[in-house]
Protein backbone atom coordinates (compact mmCIF):
# COMPACT_ATOMS: atom_id res chain seq x y z
CA MET A 1 2.53 -10.37 50.90
CA ILE A 2 6.03 -10.39 52.40
CA VAL A 3 7.81 -7.03 52.41
CA ARG A 4 11.57 -7.37 52.83
CA ASN A 5 14.40 -5.05 53.82
CA ARG A 6 12.51 -3.22 56.56
CA GLN A 7 14.19 -1.71 59.60
CA CYS A 8 12.88 -3.54 62.67
CA VAL A 9 13.50 -3.11 66.39
CA VAL A 10 12.51 -5.90 68.77
CA PHE A 11 12.10 -4.83 72.39
CA GLY A 12 12.77 -7.84 74.58
CA GLY A 13 14.47 -9.44 71.60
CA ALA A 14 16.87 -11.57 73.67
CA GLY A 15 14.06 -13.37 75.47
CA PHE A 16 12.19 -16.56 74.69
CA ILE A 17 9.57 -15.08 72.35
CA GLY A 18 11.62 -12.16 71.07
CA SER A 19 14.63 -14.22 70.00
CA HIS A 20 12.50 -16.56 67.89
CA VAL A 21 10.88 -13.56 66.20
CA VAL A 22 14.33 -12.05 65.59
CA ASP A 23 15.44 -15.27 63.87
CA ALA A 24 12.38 -15.16 61.61
CA LEU A 25 12.86 -11.49 60.71
CA VAL A 26 16.50 -12.13 59.80
CA ARG A 27 15.48 -15.08 57.62
CA GLU A 28 13.05 -12.81 55.79
CA GLY A 29 15.81 -10.34 54.99
CA HIS A 30 15.01 -7.51 57.38
CA ALA A 31 17.51 -5.33 59.23
CA VAL A 32 16.98 -6.15 62.91
CA THR A 33 17.95 -4.32 66.08
CA VAL A 34 17.46 -6.05 69.42
CA PHE A 35 16.77 -3.89 72.47
CA ASP A 36 17.08 -5.54 75.86
CA ARG A 37 18.36 -4.97 79.39
CA PRO A 38 22.13 -4.63 79.97
CA ASN A 39 22.27 -7.70 82.23
CA VAL A 40 20.29 -10.03 79.98
CA ALA A 41 22.04 -13.05 78.48
CA LEU A 42 22.35 -13.13 74.71
CA ASP A 43 22.60 -16.91 74.32
CA ASN A 44 19.22 -17.10 72.56
CA LEU A 45 20.62 -14.97 69.75
CA ASN A 46 23.68 -17.10 68.99
CA ASP A 47 22.32 -18.21 65.62
CA CYS A 48 21.99 -14.66 64.29
CA LEU A 49 24.43 -12.50 66.25
CA GLU A 50 26.40 -11.51 63.17
CA ALA A 51 23.24 -10.41 61.35
CA ILE A 52 21.74 -8.09 63.97
CA ASP A 53 22.48 -4.97 65.98
CA ILE A 54 22.10 -5.04 69.75
CA ILE A 55 21.25 -2.14 72.02
CA GLN A 56 21.41 -2.80 75.73
CA GLY A 57 19.38 -0.20 77.55
CA ASP A 58 16.46 0.62 79.80
CA LEU A 59 12.92 0.89 78.44
CA CYS A 60 12.29 3.47 81.16
CA ASN A 61 15.08 5.68 79.79
CA PRO A 62 13.73 7.96 77.02
CA SER A 63 17.15 8.49 75.44
CA ASP A 64 17.78 4.74 75.21
CA VAL A 65 14.40 4.23 73.57
CA GLU A 66 14.94 7.17 71.22
CA GLY A 67 18.20 5.66 69.99
CA ALA A 68 16.56 2.31 69.35
CA VAL A 69 13.51 3.66 67.50
CA ARG A 70 15.22 6.25 65.31
CA GLY A 71 15.21 5.20 61.65
CA LYS A 72 13.04 2.12 62.17
CA ASP A 73 9.93 0.99 60.30
CA LEU A 74 8.48 -1.61 62.67
CA ILE A 75 8.45 -2.04 66.45
CA PHE A 76 7.90 -5.43 68.06
CA HIS A 77 7.21 -5.04 71.78
CA PHE A 78 7.82 -8.21 73.81
CA ALA A 79 9.52 -6.62 76.83
CA ALA A 80 8.05 -7.00 80.33
CA THR A 81 9.47 -6.70 83.83
CA THR A 82 6.85 -8.75 85.68
CA LEU A 83 5.01 -12.07 85.45
CA PRO A 84 1.36 -12.75 86.27
CA ALA A 85 2.43 -14.37 89.55
CA SER A 86 4.61 -11.43 90.61
CA SER A 87 2.67 -8.43 89.30
CA ASN A 88 0.28 -8.25 92.28
CA GLN A 89 3.17 -8.06 94.73
CA ASN A 90 4.24 -4.57 93.63
CA PRO A 91 1.61 -2.93 91.41
CA VAL A 92 3.41 0.43 91.39
CA TYR A 93 6.56 -1.15 90.00
CA ASP A 94 4.48 -3.00 87.40
CA VAL A 95 2.81 0.21 86.23
CA GLU A 96 5.99 2.28 86.24
CA THR A 97 8.20 -0.19 84.40
CA ASN A 98 5.65 -1.59 81.96
CA LEU A 99 2.78 0.83 81.40
CA VAL A 100 4.57 4.17 81.82
CA SER A 101 7.65 3.03 79.92
CA THR A 102 5.50 1.71 77.06
CA LEU A 103 3.64 5.03 76.87
CA GLY A 104 7.02 6.66 76.34
CA LEU A 105 7.81 4.11 73.64
CA ILE A 106 4.49 4.81 71.89
CA GLU A 107 5.10 8.56 71.93
CA THR A 108 8.61 8.04 70.55
CA ALA A 109 7.24 5.80 67.82
CA LEU A 110 4.75 8.48 66.86
CA ASN A 111 7.47 11.15 66.70
CA HIS A 112 9.60 8.97 64.42
CA GLY A 113 6.91 7.92 61.96
CA ILE A 114 6.91 4.22 62.83
CA LYS A 115 4.85 2.28 60.30
CA LYS A 116 3.46 -0.25 62.79
CA ILE A 117 3.74 -1.50 66.37
CA ILE A 118 3.18 -5.18 67.09
CA PHE A 119 2.36 -5.52 70.79
CA ALA A 120 2.42 -8.79 72.73
CA SER A 121 -0.57 -8.83 75.07
CA SER A 122 -1.86 -11.69 77.19
CA GLY A 123 -4.84 -13.82 76.27
CA GLY A 124 -4.25 -15.74 79.47
CA THR A 125 -4.78 -12.76 81.80
CA VAL A 126 -6.65 -9.83 80.21
CA TYR A 127 -10.00 -11.65 80.19
CA GLY A 128 -9.99 -12.78 83.81
CA ILE A 129 -12.35 -15.59 84.82
CA PRO A 130 -14.09 -16.78 81.63
CA GLN A 131 -17.82 -16.28 81.32
CA SER A 132 -17.84 -18.59 78.31
CA LEU A 133 -15.38 -20.80 76.43
CA PRO A 134 -13.65 -20.50 74.07
CA ILE A 135 -12.87 -16.85 74.76
CA ALA A 136 -13.35 -14.49 71.82
CA GLU A 137 -11.84 -11.01 71.57
CA THR A 138 -15.27 -9.56 72.44
CA HIS A 139 -15.32 -11.32 75.83
CA PRO A 140 -15.38 -8.94 78.85
CA THR A 141 -11.94 -8.00 80.15
CA ASP A 142 -11.75 -8.30 83.93
CA PRO A 143 -8.16 -9.26 84.84
CA ILE A 144 -7.49 -10.71 88.28
CA CYS A 145 -3.77 -9.86 88.27
CA GLY A 146 -1.84 -6.65 87.73
CA TYR A 147 -0.04 -8.13 84.73
CA GLY A 148 -3.33 -8.41 82.84
CA ILE A 149 -4.44 -4.93 83.88
CA THR A 150 -1.20 -3.41 82.59
CA LYS A 151 -1.40 -5.30 79.29
CA LEU A 152 -4.99 -4.16 78.83
CA ALA A 153 -4.12 -0.54 79.62
CA ILE A 154 -1.38 -0.61 76.98
CA GLU A 155 -3.88 -1.95 74.46
CA LYS A 156 -6.19 0.96 75.25
CA TYR A 157 -3.42 3.53 74.86
CA LEU A 158 -2.44 2.07 71.50
CA ALA A 159 -6.07 2.45 70.41
CA LEU A 160 -6.09 6.03 71.71
CA PHE A 161 -2.93 6.98 69.82
CA SER A 162 -4.33 5.35 66.71
CA HIS A 163 -7.54 7.38 67.08
CA LEU A 164 -5.76 10.67 67.76
CA HIS A 165 -2.69 10.32 65.56
CA GLN A 166 -3.34 7.39 63.16
CA LEU A 167 -0.53 5.34 64.69
CA PRO A 168 -0.74 1.84 63.12
CA TYR A 169 -0.67 -1.12 65.49
CA ILE A 170 -1.81 -4.69 66.03
CA VAL A 171 -2.33 -6.33 69.42
CA LEU A 172 -1.70 -10.06 69.70
CA ARG A 173 -3.22 -11.68 72.78
CA PHE A 174 -1.10 -14.79 73.24
CA GLY A 175 -2.28 -17.94 74.96
CA ASN A 176 0.43 -20.06 76.58
CA PRO A 177 3.37 -20.39 74.21
CA TYR A 178 6.04 -22.95 74.99
CA GLY A 179 9.11 -24.37 73.34
CA GLU A 180 12.83 -24.18 72.86
CA ARG A 181 14.74 -21.44 74.74
CA GLN A 182 12.09 -21.05 77.44
CA ARG A 183 13.56 -20.93 80.93
CA LEU A 184 13.55 -24.21 82.82
CA ASP A 185 13.76 -22.50 86.23
CA SER A 186 10.94 -19.97 85.84
CA THR A 187 7.63 -19.73 87.69
CA GLN A 188 5.96 -19.30 84.28
CA GLY A 189 5.79 -21.91 81.53
CA ALA A 190 4.66 -25.28 82.81
CA ILE A 191 5.87 -27.34 79.86
CA PRO A 192 9.59 -26.45 79.87
CA VAL A 193 9.72 -26.36 83.67
CA PHE A 194 8.15 -29.82 83.91
CA LEU A 195 10.47 -31.18 81.20
CA GLY A 196 13.45 -29.77 83.06
CA LYS A 197 12.31 -31.59 86.20
CA LEU A 198 11.89 -34.83 84.22
CA ARG A 199 15.42 -34.51 82.86
CA GLU A 200 16.80 -34.16 86.39
CA LYS A 201 14.48 -36.86 87.81
CA GLY A 202 13.12 -34.17 90.13
CA VAL A 203 9.72 -33.63 91.70
CA ILE A 204 7.13 -31.65 89.72
CA GLU A 205 5.01 -29.33 91.86
CA ILE A 206 1.35 -28.95 90.88
CA TRP A 207 -0.68 -26.03 92.19
CA GLY A 208 -4.14 -27.45 92.88
CA ASP A 209 -5.35 -30.82 91.66
CA GLY A 210 -3.93 -30.62 88.12
CA SER A 211 -7.23 -29.65 86.53
CA VAL A 212 -6.19 -26.08 85.69
CA ALA A 213 -6.48 -25.91 81.89
CA ARG A 214 -4.61 -23.61 79.54
CA ASP A 215 -4.23 -22.96 75.83
CA TYR A 216 -0.70 -24.22 75.08
CA PHE A 217 0.82 -23.72 71.63
CA HIS A 218 4.31 -24.07 70.21
CA ILE A 219 6.57 -21.05 69.76
CA SER A 220 6.88 -21.64 66.01
CA ASP A 221 3.14 -21.08 65.64
CA LEU A 222 3.41 -17.84 67.61
CA VAL A 223 6.20 -16.62 65.35
CA SER A 224 4.22 -17.33 62.19
CA ALA A 225 1.36 -15.22 63.58
CA VAL A 226 3.70 -12.34 64.44
CA ILE A 227 5.21 -12.35 60.95
CA LYS A 228 1.76 -12.39 59.34
CA ALA A 229 0.68 -9.49 61.57
CA ALA A 230 3.76 -7.53 60.52
CA ASN A 231 3.14 -8.19 56.83
CA THR A 232 -0.56 -7.38 56.78
CA GLU A 233 -1.89 -3.92 56.00
CA LEU A 234 -4.44 -4.30 58.80
CA SER A 235 -4.21 -1.91 61.74
CA GLY A 236 -6.09 -1.40 64.97
CA GLU A 237 -6.92 -5.08 65.38
CA VAL A 238 -6.82 -7.16 68.56
CA LEU A 239 -6.27 -10.86 67.82
CA ASN A 240 -6.17 -13.99 69.94
CA ILE A 241 -3.16 -16.13 69.07
CA ALA A 242 -3.16 -19.58 70.66
CA GLY A 243 -3.83 -23.24 70.08
CA GLY A 244 -7.58 -22.91 70.37
CA LYS A 245 -7.83 -25.90 72.73
CA ALA A 246 -7.48 -26.39 76.49
CA TYR A 247 -5.14 -28.91 78.09
CA THR A 248 -5.04 -29.57 81.83
CA LEU A 249 -1.76 -30.00 83.65
CA LEU A 250 -2.53 -33.70 83.92
CA ASP A 251 -3.05 -33.84 80.13
CA ILE A 252 0.35 -32.23 79.67
CA LEU A 253 2.02 -34.66 82.03
CA ALA A 254 0.49 -37.64 80.23
CA VAL A 255 1.91 -36.47 76.88
CA MET A 256 5.29 -35.82 78.50
CA GLU A 257 5.40 -39.35 79.89
CA LYS A 258 4.61 -40.72 76.43
CA VAL A 259 7.27 -38.57 74.74
CA THR A 260 10.05 -39.03 77.29
CA GLY A 261 9.31 -42.48 78.66
CA ILE A 262 9.77 -41.06 82.17
CA LYS A 263 7.01 -41.30 84.77
CA PRO A 264 6.68 -37.92 86.55
CA ARG A 265 7.07 -37.64 90.31
CA LEU A 266 4.41 -35.21 91.54
CA ARG A 267 3.85 -33.04 94.61
CA TYR A 268 0.48 -31.33 94.95
CA LEU A 269 0.29 -27.86 96.52
CA PRO A 270 -2.71 -25.67 97.42
CA GLY A 271 -4.28 -23.85 94.47
CA ARG A 272 -3.47 -20.19 93.85
CA LYS A 273 -6.01 -17.34 93.66
CA LEU A 274 -4.36 -15.94 90.53
CA ASP A 275 -4.98 -19.14 88.55
CA VAL A 276 -8.10 -19.01 86.42
CA PRO A 277 -9.57 -22.56 86.38
CA ALA A 278 -9.74 -22.80 82.58
CA ASN A 279 -8.74 -20.57 79.72
CA TYR A 280 -8.65 -21.24 76.02
CA LEU A 281 -9.08 -18.80 73.19
CA ASP A 282 -11.26 -18.50 70.13
CA ILE A 283 -8.75 -18.02 67.31
CA SER A 284 -11.24 -17.73 64.44
CA LYS A 285 -10.59 -14.00 64.00
CA ALA A 286 -6.87 -14.60 63.40
CA ARG A 287 -7.75 -17.40 60.97
CA ARG A 288 -9.99 -15.01 59.06
CA LEU A 289 -7.89 -11.84 59.07
CA LEU A 290 -4.36 -13.26 58.99
CA ASP A 291 -4.99 -16.61 57.33
CA TRP A 292 -3.17 -18.07 60.33
CA HIS A 293 -3.67 -21.27 62.24
CA PRO A 294 -1.48 -23.35 64.59
CA ALA A 295 0.30 -26.16 62.77
CA ILE A 296 2.17 -28.01 65.55
CA SER A 297 0.37 -30.63 67.64
CA LEU A 298 0.92 -30.78 71.39
CA GLU A 299 2.83 -34.06 71.11
CA GLU A 300 5.10 -32.76 68.35
CA GLY A 301 5.71 -29.52 70.23
CA ILE A 302 6.60 -31.32 73.43
CA GLN A 303 8.88 -33.66 71.47
CA ARG A 304 10.73 -30.67 69.97
CA THR A 305 11.01 -29.02 73.35
CA TRP A 306 12.25 -32.23 75.01
CA GLN A 307 14.99 -32.63 72.41
CA TRP A 308 16.12 -29.08 73.17
CA VAL A 309 15.95 -29.66 76.95
CA ILE A 310 18.16 -32.74 76.82
CA SER A 311 20.58 -30.97 74.47
CA CYS A 312 21.11 -28.27 77.14
CA GLN A 313 22.77 -30.66 79.57
């Protein structure tokens, strides 16, 4: 059941994932506030700027968070200051700016009677090296990067606050979302980065031999899962949200060549210790509890993303 006219705040709402969720919430008739850093670009929100409120602040600043949460019904937490590749470089910074700041957000949410928190966790990092595939939510959690440890710690604190104070929440462990608005110059997000290189006729760098496999799924499928999680009465659940299938980097490149008609130029680099060889998620729990499933094929998703990439020139 869709409930309309709720007061929503989206932390990290100007980013790749957050902005798509903001668009969907506006379409459903909710009042939406975006909270993001003062120096973040707002280009991703161009389609809905007149329909939303924007607060530029610091998640580590309690007064900024208080102002964003006051009077809201739902919190969507997509904000993060690190990436898996960078989180091990400065673990203290990772903990202070992500874990500690989110604890403050959770406490503020409790004080203001928030009806539910939707938290974006990481199905790609919280499990660590898979003991079996596909990875179900019951799989052991042994992250090999600080990013995954921090995400997992936040999950545990949400469960604690739910146990102690009945704070409603749902954790969504995302696979590897990709699509329009994702940065083309990032160290995260192989599909848009590779497509950006194809557009410029540049060289695509591959860490390892191209056999690293991930669970890629289009951003529109992620958004549909987030909206279903917000609309359900369920609380206290941890759900894998992904495509439910693994694709290697070489698989991805083959589809890209088919879609774009451009043969990639490749440079192979030594593999990285932070890269789990293969990771794809069991999404049967989300199918059962949310009646959700991914609808966009890899080829269609890459086609959509390519059209956006070439439109950005």
